[in-house]
Protein backbone atom coordinates (compact mmCIF):
# COMPACT_ATOMS: atom_id res chain seq x y z
CA MET A 1 -0.04 0.03 0.05
CA SER A 2 1.18 3.45 -0.85
CA GLN A 3 2.29 5.86 1.63
CA LYS A 4 -0.02 9.15 2.05
CA LYS A 5 1.71 12.18 0.85
CA LEU A 6 1.86 14.74 3.66
CA TYR A 7 4.05 17.17 2.12
CA SER A 8 5.13 18.27 -1.50
CA PHE A 9 6.92 21.17 -2.89
CA ALA A 10 4.40 21.32 -5.54
CA ASP A 11 2.07 22.78 -2.68
CA HIS A 12 4.66 24.79 -1.32
CA PRO A 13 6.81 26.71 -4.03
CA ASP A 14 7.92 29.18 -1.42
CA HIS A 15 9.64 26.43 0.49
CA LYS A 16 11.39 25.27 -2.47
CA ALA A 17 12.61 28.94 -3.14
CA ARG A 18 14.44 28.87 0.12
CA LEU A 19 16.58 25.88 -0.50
CA PRO A 20 19.53 27.54 -1.89
CA ALA A 21 19.83 30.11 1.01
CA TRP A 22 19.22 26.96 3.34
CA ARG A 23 21.94 25.13 1.84
CA ASP A 24 24.55 28.22 2.02
CA GLU A 25 23.61 28.59 5.73
CA TRP A 26 24.59 24.96 6.40
CA ILE A 27 27.67 25.16 4.18
CA ALA A 28 28.74 28.09 6.23
CA ASN A 29 28.20 26.34 9.38
CA ALA A 30 30.11 23.19 8.36
CA MET A 31 33.13 25.74 7.09
CA SER A 32 32.95 27.83 10.24
CA THR A 33 36.14 28.71 12.05
CA ALA A 34 34.72 30.83 15.03
CA PRO A 35 35.76 29.67 18.38
CA MET A 36 33.30 28.05 20.83
CA THR A 37 32.05 30.69 23.29
CA ALA A 38 31.08 30.22 26.94
CA ASP A 39 27.37 30.35 25.80
CA ASP A 40 28.12 27.47 23.04
CA ARG A 41 29.88 25.28 26.05
CA ALA A 42 26.88 25.74 28.20
CA ALA A 43 24.11 24.97 25.31
CA CYS A 44 26.21 21.88 24.34
CA VAL A 45 26.33 20.35 28.08
CA GLU A 46 22.33 21.03 28.02
CA ALA A 47 22.05 19.38 24.62
CA LEU A 48 24.08 16.41 25.61
CA ARG A 49 22.02 15.91 28.72
CA GLY A 50 19.11 16.12 26.55
CA MET A 51 20.44 13.32 24.23
CA TYR A 52 21.13 10.94 26.97
CA GLU A 53 17.64 11.49 28.52
CA ALA A 54 16.07 11.18 25.06
CA ALA A 55 17.90 7.76 24.78
CA GLY A 56 17.07 6.57 28.27
CA LEU A 57 20.56 6.56 29.50
CA PRO A 58 21.79 7.87 32.82
CA TRP A 59 23.37 11.27 32.63
CA HIS A 60 26.75 11.30 34.00
CA GLY A 61 27.52 15.20 33.95
CA ARG A 62 31.07 14.96 32.81
CA VAL A 63 31.70 16.89 29.79
CA VAL A 64 35.19 18.15 28.80
CA PHE A 65 36.01 20.61 26.02
CA VAL A 66 39.17 20.25 23.92
CA PRO A 67 40.62 22.55 21.33
CA ALA A 68 40.93 19.93 18.38
CA PRO A 69 39.82 16.59 17.17
CA PHE A 70 43.21 15.01 17.57
CA VAL A 71 43.18 15.72 21.35
CA LEU A 72 39.55 14.58 21.26
CA ARG A 73 40.53 11.26 19.94
CA CYS A 74 43.37 10.78 22.44
CA ALA A 75 41.71 11.95 25.17
CA ALA A 76 38.65 9.74 24.54
CA GLY A 77 40.74 6.69 24.02
CA PHE A 78 42.76 7.37 27.21
CA ALA A 79 39.64 8.01 29.19
CA ALA A 80 38.05 4.92 27.69
CA ALA A 81 40.93 2.75 28.86
CA VAL A 82 41.04 4.40 32.56
CA TRP A 83 37.20 3.69 32.88
CA TRP A 84 37.71 0.10 31.41
CA GLY A 85 40.64 -0.27 34.16
CA ARG A 86 38.36 0.94 36.96
CA LYS A 87 35.53 -1.75 36.21
CA ASN A 88 38.21 -4.42 35.47
CA PRO A 89 40.44 -3.94 38.45
CA LYS A 90 41.97 -7.31 38.33
CA ASN A 91 43.18 -6.91 35.01
CA ASP A 92 46.54 -4.76 34.34
CA ALA A 93 45.87 -2.34 31.55
CA THR A 94 49.26 -2.82 30.15
CA ASP A 95 48.67 -6.66 30.00
CA ALA A 96 45.22 -6.06 28.71
CA ALA A 97 46.01 -4.44 25.33
CA THR A 98 44.33 -7.25 23.53
CA ARG A 99 41.44 -6.99 20.79
CA ASP A 100 38.84 -8.10 23.43
CA ALA A 101 39.80 -5.59 25.91
CA THR A 102 39.95 -2.75 23.40
CA ARG A 103 36.82 -3.75 22.04
CA ASP A 104 35.21 -3.75 25.36
CA ALA A 105 36.52 -0.33 26.39
CA THR A 106 35.63 1.36 23.05
CA ARG A 107 32.69 -0.53 21.53
CA VAL A 108 30.64 -2.88 23.90
CA ALA A 109 30.43 -0.15 26.62
CA THR A 110 30.24 2.83 24.36
CA HIS A 111 28.99 2.43 20.72
CA VAL A 112 26.29 -0.02 21.33
CA ALA A 113 25.16 1.44 24.87
CA THR A 114 25.75 5.04 24.22
CA ASP A 115 26.47 6.28 20.60
CA ASP A 116 24.02 4.07 19.05
CA ALA A 117 21.33 4.80 21.40
CA THR A 118 21.78 8.62 21.42
CA TYR A 119 21.98 8.61 17.61
CA VAL A 120 18.83 6.59 16.98
CA ALA A 121 16.92 8.32 19.68
CA THR A 122 17.60 11.75 18.30
CA ASP A 123 18.81 11.76 14.67
CA VAL A 124 17.52 8.53 12.97
CA ALA A 125 14.16 8.65 14.60
CA THR A 126 13.67 12.25 13.13
CA TYR A 127 14.89 11.09 9.65
CA VAL A 128 12.42 8.33 9.63
CA ALA A 129 9.71 10.65 10.61
CA THR A 130 10.63 12.99 7.93
CA ASP A 131 10.99 10.47 5.31
CA ASP A 132 7.49 8.95 6.17
CA ALA A 133 6.09 12.45 5.79
CA THR A 134 7.68 13.42 2.40
CA TYR A 135 8.39 10.21 0.41
CA VAL A 136 5.64 8.64 -2.04
CA ALA A 137 6.48 5.40 -3.72
CA THR A 138 5.80 6.65 -7.17
CA ASP A 139 7.14 10.16 -6.56
CA ASP A 140 10.03 10.96 -4.21
CA ALA A 141 10.90 14.20 -5.91
CA THR A 142 10.60 16.02 -2.59
CA ARG A 143 13.13 13.81 -0.79
CA VAL A 144 15.58 13.92 -3.73
CA ALA A 145 15.25 17.58 -4.15
CA THR A 146 16.23 18.45 -0.53
CA ASP A 147 18.84 15.67 -0.59
CA ASP A 148 20.34 17.26 -3.55
CA VAL A 149 20.25 20.79 -2.67
CA THR A 150 20.75 20.73 1.06
CA ARG A 151 22.55 17.55 2.23
CA ASP A 152 24.69 16.73 -0.61
CA ALA A 153 25.60 20.28 -1.28
CA THR A 154 27.12 20.68 2.29
CA GLY A 155 28.35 17.05 1.93
CA ASP A 156 30.64 18.26 -0.94
CA VAL A 157 32.40 20.63 1.44
CA THR A 158 32.46 18.44 4.55
CA ARG A 159 33.43 15.40 2.96
CA ASP A 160 36.55 16.97 1.27
CA ALA A 161 37.53 19.34 3.78
CA THR A 162 36.16 19.19 7.45
CA TYR A 163 35.38 15.41 7.40
CA VAL A 164 39.02 14.92 6.27
CA ALA A 165 40.22 17.16 8.95
CA THR A 166 38.42 15.69 11.62
CA TYR A 167 38.15 11.93 10.97
CA VAL A 168 40.52 10.54 8.31
CA ALA A 169 43.51 12.77 9.75
CA THR A 170 43.10 11.79 13.08
CA ASP A 171 42.65 8.13 12.25
CA VAL A 172 46.21 8.33 10.56
CA ALA A 173 47.66 10.24 13.37
CA THR A 174 46.58 8.01 16.09
CA ASP A 175 47.40 5.00 13.96
CA ASP A 176 50.98 6.27 14.03
CA ALA A 177 50.81 7.10 17.60
CA THR A 178 50.11 3.47 18.46
CA TYR A 179 53.54 2.49 17.76
CA VAL A 180 55.75 5.58 17.85
CA ALA A 181 55.59 8.88 19.74
CA THR A 182 53.95 11.46 17.60
CA ARG A 183 55.72 14.77 17.25
CA ASP A 184 55.97 17.83 15.13
CA ASP A 185 57.28 15.80 11.97
CA GLN A 186 57.03 17.92 8.69
CA SER A 187 57.42 14.67 6.65
CA ARG A 188 53.76 14.04 7.27
CA TRP A 189 50.68 15.62 5.90
CA TYR A 190 49.50 16.30 9.36
CA VAL A 191 51.23 18.15 12.21
CA VAL A 192 50.28 17.55 15.82
CA ARG A 193 51.72 18.57 18.98
CA GLY A 194 53.08 16.49 21.76
CA ASP A 195 54.10 12.93 22.54
CA MET A 196 50.98 10.80 22.80
CA ARG A 197 52.76 7.64 24.05
CA ALA A 198 54.54 9.63 26.86
CA CYS A 199 51.20 11.11 27.67
CA ALA A 200 49.45 7.56 27.80
CA ASP A 201 52.30 6.04 29.92
CA SER A 202 51.92 8.99 32.33
CA LEU A 203 48.27 8.13 32.81
CA GLY A 204 49.15 4.55 33.32
CA VAL A 205 47.06 3.25 30.09
CA GLY A 206 50.13 2.66 27.92
CA ARG A 207 49.81 0.88 24.57
CA PHE A 208 46.14 0.07 25.62
CA GLY A 209 45.20 3.67 25.78
CA LEU A 210 46.71 4.24 22.37
CA LEU A 211 44.88 1.39 20.92
CA CYS A 212 41.52 2.70 22.39
CA ALA A 213 42.46 6.08 20.74
CA HIS A 214 42.89 4.36 17.56
CA LEU A 215 39.40 3.07 17.79
CA ALA A 216 37.76 6.25 19.37
CA ASP A 217 35.79 6.77 15.93
CA ARG A 218 33.45 3.92 17.61
CA MET A 219 32.44 6.79 19.94
CA TRP A 220 32.49 9.64 17.36
CA GLN A 221 29.53 11.99 16.63
CA GLY A 222 28.55 14.74 14.68
CA GLY A 223 29.45 18.34 15.06
CA ASN A 224 29.31 21.16 12.81
CA GLN A 225 31.51 19.33 10.25
CA TRP A 226 28.77 16.73 9.67
CA SER A 227 26.41 19.41 8.48
CA GLY A 228 24.85 17.36 5.76
CA TRP A 229 21.89 15.49 7.63
CA PRO A 230 21.21 18.35 9.94
CA ALA A 231 20.91 20.62 6.86
CA TYR A 232 18.11 18.11 5.59
CA LEU A 233 16.19 17.47 8.75
CA SER A 234 16.20 21.11 9.96
CA PHE A 235 14.82 22.41 6.70
CA PHE A 236 11.72 20.43 7.34
CA ARG A 237 11.57 21.43 11.13
CA HIS A 238 12.14 25.34 10.47
CA VAL A 239 10.95 25.79 7.10
CA ALA A 240 8.39 23.26 6.00
CA ARG A 241 7.34 22.68 9.75
CA LEU A 242 6.41 19.21 9.39
CA PRO A 243 3.97 17.94 12.16
CA ILE A 244 6.83 15.95 13.84
CA ASP A 245 8.14 16.05 17.40
CA TYR A 246 11.55 17.64 17.47
CA SER A 247 11.92 17.95 20.96
CA LYS A 248 14.52 14.90 21.12
CA TRP A 249 16.26 15.82 17.85
CA ALA A 250 16.69 19.52 18.68
CA HIS A 251 19.59 18.50 21.06
CA TRP A 252 21.37 16.90 17.76
CA GLU A 253 20.93 20.10 15.82
CA THR A 254 22.16 22.40 18.82
CA LEU A 255 25.41 20.52 18.82
CA ALA A 256 25.62 20.31 15.05
CA ARG A 257 25.46 24.19 15.18
CA ARG A 258 27.38 24.95 18.17
CA SER A 259 30.34 22.70 18.32
CA GLY A 260 32.96 20.45 16.50
CA PRO A 261 32.82 16.71 16.71
CA ARG A 262 32.22 14.89 19.96
CA VAL A 263 32.70 11.70 21.72
CA VAL A 264 29.99 10.00 23.92
CA HIS A 265 30.63 7.35 26.52
CA PRO A 266 28.70 6.05 29.37
CA GLU A 267 31.02 7.90 31.64
CA PHE A 268 31.99 11.09 29.94
CA CYS A 269 31.76 13.19 26.81
CA ILE A 270 34.36 15.08 25.10
CA VAL A 271 33.69 17.89 22.58
CA SER A 272 36.13 19.53 20.13
CA ASP A 273 36.17 23.20 18.91
CA ARG A 274 36.14 24.17 15.45
CA PRO A 275 39.39 24.80 13.45
CA GLU A 276 40.67 28.35 13.19
CA VAL A 277 41.70 27.98 9.77
CA LEU A 278 39.98 26.01 7.01
CA ARG A 279 40.48 26.72 3.28
CA VAL A 280 39.40 24.89 0.21
CA ASP A 281 39.86 25.63 -3.54
CA ALA A 282 37.10 26.56 -6.24
CA GLN A 283 36.09 22.74 -5.99
CA ASN A 284 35.68 22.57 -2.56
CA ARG A 285 38.93 20.47 -2.26
CA PRO A 286 41.21 20.97 0.70
CA HIS A 287 43.85 23.45 -0.33
CA CYS A 288 46.30 25.89 0.73
CA GLU A 289 49.77 26.80 -1.01
CA ASP A 290 51.40 28.84 1.91
CA GLY A 291 50.34 27.02 4.97
CA PRO A 292 47.98 24.37 6.41
CA PHE A 293 44.65 24.20 4.83
CA CYS A 294 43.29 23.44 8.25
CA ARG A 295 44.56 24.36 11.65
CA TRP A 296 43.20 24.21 15.11
CA ARG A 297 43.93 26.54 17.89
CA ASP A 298 46.33 23.92 19.58
CA GLY A 299 48.64 24.07 16.49
CA SER A 300 47.66 20.80 15.04
CA ALA A 301 47.42 21.25 11.23
CA LEU A 302 46.62 19.48 7.95
CA TYR A 303 48.34 20.24 4.53
CA SER A 304 46.80 19.60 1.03
CA VAL A 305 47.27 21.13 -2.40
CA HIS A 306 44.05 20.87 -4.54
CA GLY A 307 43.01 17.73 -2.63
CA VAL A 308 46.28 16.07 -2.66
CA ARG A 309 47.68 15.43 0.95
CA VAL A 310 51.10 16.51 1.09
CA PRO A 311 54.00 16.59 3.48
CA ALA A 312 53.99 19.81 5.50
CA TRP A 313 57.50 20.64 4.23
CA ILE A 314 56.35 20.84 0.66
CA VAL A 315 53.91 23.66 1.52
CA GLU A 316 56.11 25.22 4.24
CA HIS A 317 59.67 25.02 2.43
CA PRO A 318 59.14 24.63 -1.39
CA ASP A 319 62.69 25.95 -1.47
CA ARG A 320 63.98 22.30 -0.36
CA ILE A 321 62.29 20.70 -3.28
CA THR A 322 65.01 19.25 -5.86
CA VAL A 323 64.90 17.33 -8.87
CA ALA A 324 66.28 14.40 -7.20
CA LEU A 325 63.43 14.40 -4.36
CA ILE A 326 60.86 14.75 -7.10
CA ASP A 327 62.26 11.79 -8.86
CA ALA A 328 62.51 9.96 -5.68
CA GLU A 329 58.76 10.45 -4.55
CA GLN A 330 56.76 7.46 -4.85
CA ASN A 331 53.10 8.99 -4.75
CA THR A 332 52.28 10.30 -8.34
CA GLU A 333 50.11 12.86 -6.95
CA VAL A 334 52.50 14.39 -4.47
CA ARG A 335 55.15 14.20 -7.22
CA ARG A 336 52.90 16.56 -9.51
CA VAL A 337 52.40 18.98 -6.71
CA MET A 338 56.19 19.08 -6.16
CA ILE A 339 56.71 19.58 -9.79
CA ALA A 340 54.29 22.42 -10.07
CA ARG A 341 55.81 24.35 -6.89
CA TYR A 342 59.32 23.61 -8.04
CA GLY A 343 58.38 25.17 -11.49
CA VAL A 344 57.50 23.26 -14.56
CA GLU A 345 60.03 25.26 -16.62
CA LYS A 346 62.81 24.91 -14.04
CA PHE A 347 62.05 21.11 -13.78
CA VAL A 348 62.40 20.51 -17.66
CA ARG A 349 65.31 22.70 -17.87
CA SER A 350 67.26 20.94 -14.76
CA GLY A 351 68.12 18.10 -16.89
CA GLY A 352 67.04 15.01 -18.56
CA ALA A 353 64.72 16.77 -21.11
CA GLU A 354 64.42 15.68 -24.52
CA LEU A 355 63.76 18.22 -27.35
CA VAL A 356 60.90 16.35 -29.39
CA HIS A 357 60.06 19.03 -31.99
CA GLU A 358 60.92 22.39 -33.03
CA ASP A 359 59.45 24.92 -35.53
CA VAL A 360 58.75 28.55 -36.25
CA ALA A 361 55.30 30.14 -35.74
CA ARG A 362 53.54 32.09 -38.32
CA ASP A 363 54.82 35.26 -36.73
CA GLY A 364 58.42 34.07 -37.10
CA THR A 365 59.17 33.31 -33.45
CA PRO A 366 60.68 29.90 -32.54
CA ARG A 367 58.74 27.13 -30.84
CA ARG A 368 60.08 24.05 -29.16
CA LEU A 369 58.38 21.02 -27.56
CA TRP A 370 60.14 19.41 -24.57
CA ARG A 371 59.65 16.01 -22.98
CA ARG A 372 61.00 15.15 -19.73
CA PRO A 373 60.39 11.43 -18.37
CA VAL A 374 59.26 10.92 -14.65
CA PRO A 375 59.56 7.58 -12.79
CA ASP A 376 56.45 5.62 -12.98
CA ASP A 377 54.18 8.42 -14.15
CA ASP A 378 53.30 10.14 -17.53
CA PRO A 379 56.26 12.34 -18.72
CA VAL A 380 56.31 16.13 -18.25
CA VAL A 381 55.74 17.72 -21.75
CA VAL A 382 56.07 21.43 -22.12
CA VAL A 383 55.73 23.75 -25.42
CA GLU A 384 58.31 26.53 -25.46
CA VAL A 385 57.19 29.78 -27.15
CA HIS A 386 58.10 33.26 -27.67
CA ASN A 387 56.32 36.72 -27.31
CA SER A 388 56.11 38.14 -30.68
CA THR A 389 56.20 41.50 -29.17
CA PRO A 390 59.46 42.83 -27.43
CA GLU A 391 59.48 44.25 -24.03
CA PRO A 392 60.42 47.81 -23.57
CA ASP A 393 63.94 46.92 -23.05
CA GLY A 394 64.16 44.98 -26.21
CA SER A 395 63.93 41.59 -24.54
CA VAL A 396 61.67 38.79 -25.69
CA ARG A 397 59.71 36.85 -22.95
CA ILE A 398 59.67 33.35 -23.25
CA TYR A 399 56.91 31.18 -21.87
CA VAL A 400 56.88 27.47 -21.09
CA ASN A 401 53.64 26.02 -20.88
CA ARG A 402 52.51 22.38 -19.94
CA VAL A 403 50.48 20.39 -22.23
CA HIS A 404 49.02 16.81 -21.95
CA PRO A 405 51.60 14.04 -22.55
CA GLU A 406 49.81 13.03 -25.84
CA LEU A 407 48.78 16.61 -26.67
CA ARG A 408 45.07 15.58 -26.08
CA PRO A 409 42.77 18.72 -26.38
CA LEU A 410 40.95 19.69 -23.39
CA PHE A 411 37.21 20.07 -23.81
CA ALA A 412 34.76 21.29 -21.20
CA ASP A 413 33.93 17.61 -20.03
CA ARG A 414 36.72 15.22 -21.64
CA LEU A 415 40.07 14.89 -23.38
CA GLY A 416 40.08 14.70 -27.01
CA GLU A 417 42.14 12.11 -29.11
CA PRO A 418 46.01 11.98 -28.96
CA GLN A 419 47.95 14.05 -31.64
CA ALA A 420 51.49 14.02 -32.95
CA LEU A 421 54.00 15.49 -30.96
CA THR A 422 54.48 18.73 -32.54
CA CYS A 423 54.86 22.41 -31.52
CA HIS A 424 51.66 23.40 -33.47
CA ASN A 425 49.70 20.68 -32.01
CA ALA A 426 50.90 21.37 -28.51
CA VAL A 427 49.74 25.01 -28.87
CA ALA A 428 46.44 24.17 -30.42
CA SER A 429 45.88 21.59 -27.60
CA ARG A 430 45.75 24.37 -25.16
CA SER A 431 42.98 26.06 -26.79
CA GLY A 432 40.92 22.79 -26.78
CA LEU A 433 41.58 22.33 -30.38
CA ARG A 434 43.23 19.82 -32.72
CA GLY A 435 46.40 21.10 -34.90
CA GLU A 436 44.25 20.97 -38.08
CA GLU A 437 41.67 23.36 -36.43
CA TYR A 438 44.07 25.83 -35.09
CA ALA A 439 44.99 28.70 -37.49
CA PRO A 440 44.94 32.12 -35.59
CA GLU A 441 45.68 35.28 -37.57
CA VAL A 442 47.55 36.72 -34.54
CA GLU A 443 49.06 34.62 -31.61
CA THR A 444 49.49 36.20 -28.29
C-alpha cells in the first residue's frame, strides 16, 4: 500500500525557493572557524544531557571541551581505557591491550550502549519521521530535491575538507601514535603537538590507551563538520514545519550548530572546538599553498594542495624541493604537486629533458616541444613559445606551458584524441583544438 503524501514542494513553492539559502547557511556552518564561546559550551552541555535522556541513558554530567579533534581522539581513548580499568580492577591495563579488551573499552561499553542509543533516539528517529512525511513510492521528488540541494551540497564541502580534517587525519595520526611517539614532524601531511605515547604512559594506560585512541571513531558523533544530515532535517523542522515532534532531535541540531565533533561514552563526553583556519579551492577540495589548509588553535594542522595530501615541508619550505627529491617521490599525485611548486620550466630545464620537435610560428618566432620522463608516471611535456612583441627593453619574453603528454585537447567535459608530438599541435591543444583546427591570424 502506498504511503500518504503529507508534504510536497508542489504545494509549497515558497519552501522550495528557500533551498539555496538554506544550503548556503549550512555550508557556512560546516566551514565555520569561529571559536566556541561560553554560551556555546553551556548550550552543548544541556544538549548532551538531553540526548542521553532521550535515549533513556543515565546522565553522568562529565563534559570536557578540547581544542582539536586530535586531542579529542586521544583523550577519549585514554579516558575509555581508564574507565575500563576501573571496572576491571583485576586486569592490568598494560597486559590487557588485546582485541577483546580494546573492543570492550571502545565499543561494547560505548558504541552499542551510548553512541547508537543517542544517535537512534535523536537523529535517526527524526529522519524516519521526515522520510515518512515526504516520501511517496511513485514520486520521491521532494526527498530527492532536498537531498540534492541541502544534504549533498554541504556534503561536498564537509566530505572533502572538514570530514577529512576531523576523521581521516586523526585516524592516521593515532595509527602512528599507537606505535611511535607523535611529534611535530613535517614529513607527514598532518602536524600534531606532543608525545602521545608519553602522555598515555603518564596516565598509566600505555599501549592499551593508544589502541583505544586508535578506535575512538566508535564513539565519534556529529558536530558542525557533519552538517549534511542536519541541513536536511532542519529544513523540514524550520521551513516546512512538518508535524513531527522535534523535541529530542533539537539536541542534535544544537550540537551541530554550536560545536565541533564529539565523543559520547557512558561515563563522559568530550567535545572539540572548530578549527581556526579552513581553506578549500574552487572545487571545495582541501587546499592552501602557503600553509595548512586546516589548523586548530592548539597548533595541530593538515596540509593539502588541490585535494592532494602533501607533507608539510612541501608547503612550508618549497625551496627544499629538488629534482632528485621529485624523482624519488613514490606517490604520483604528490610528485605532481612538487613539480608545480618547483616550477615546470625549471624542472624541465634542470636536466633529462628531450627536445621532441621545433618549428617556427606564423609570426616568425621559434617554438620548441620538450619531453621530460618521470619515474612511474606520465612524462612532463611542455611547449616553449616566444612573445612576438618585444619588451620595452628590447628583450623577448619566453613562456613554457605544460601540455598533455599526448597533446590531447582539453574540452569542457573530456579529453580529445592523441595528436602527433609537434609544437603546433601542442599550442592548439591548449585552446581545446586539434592542430588542423588551429590557425589564428595573430598569436598572443
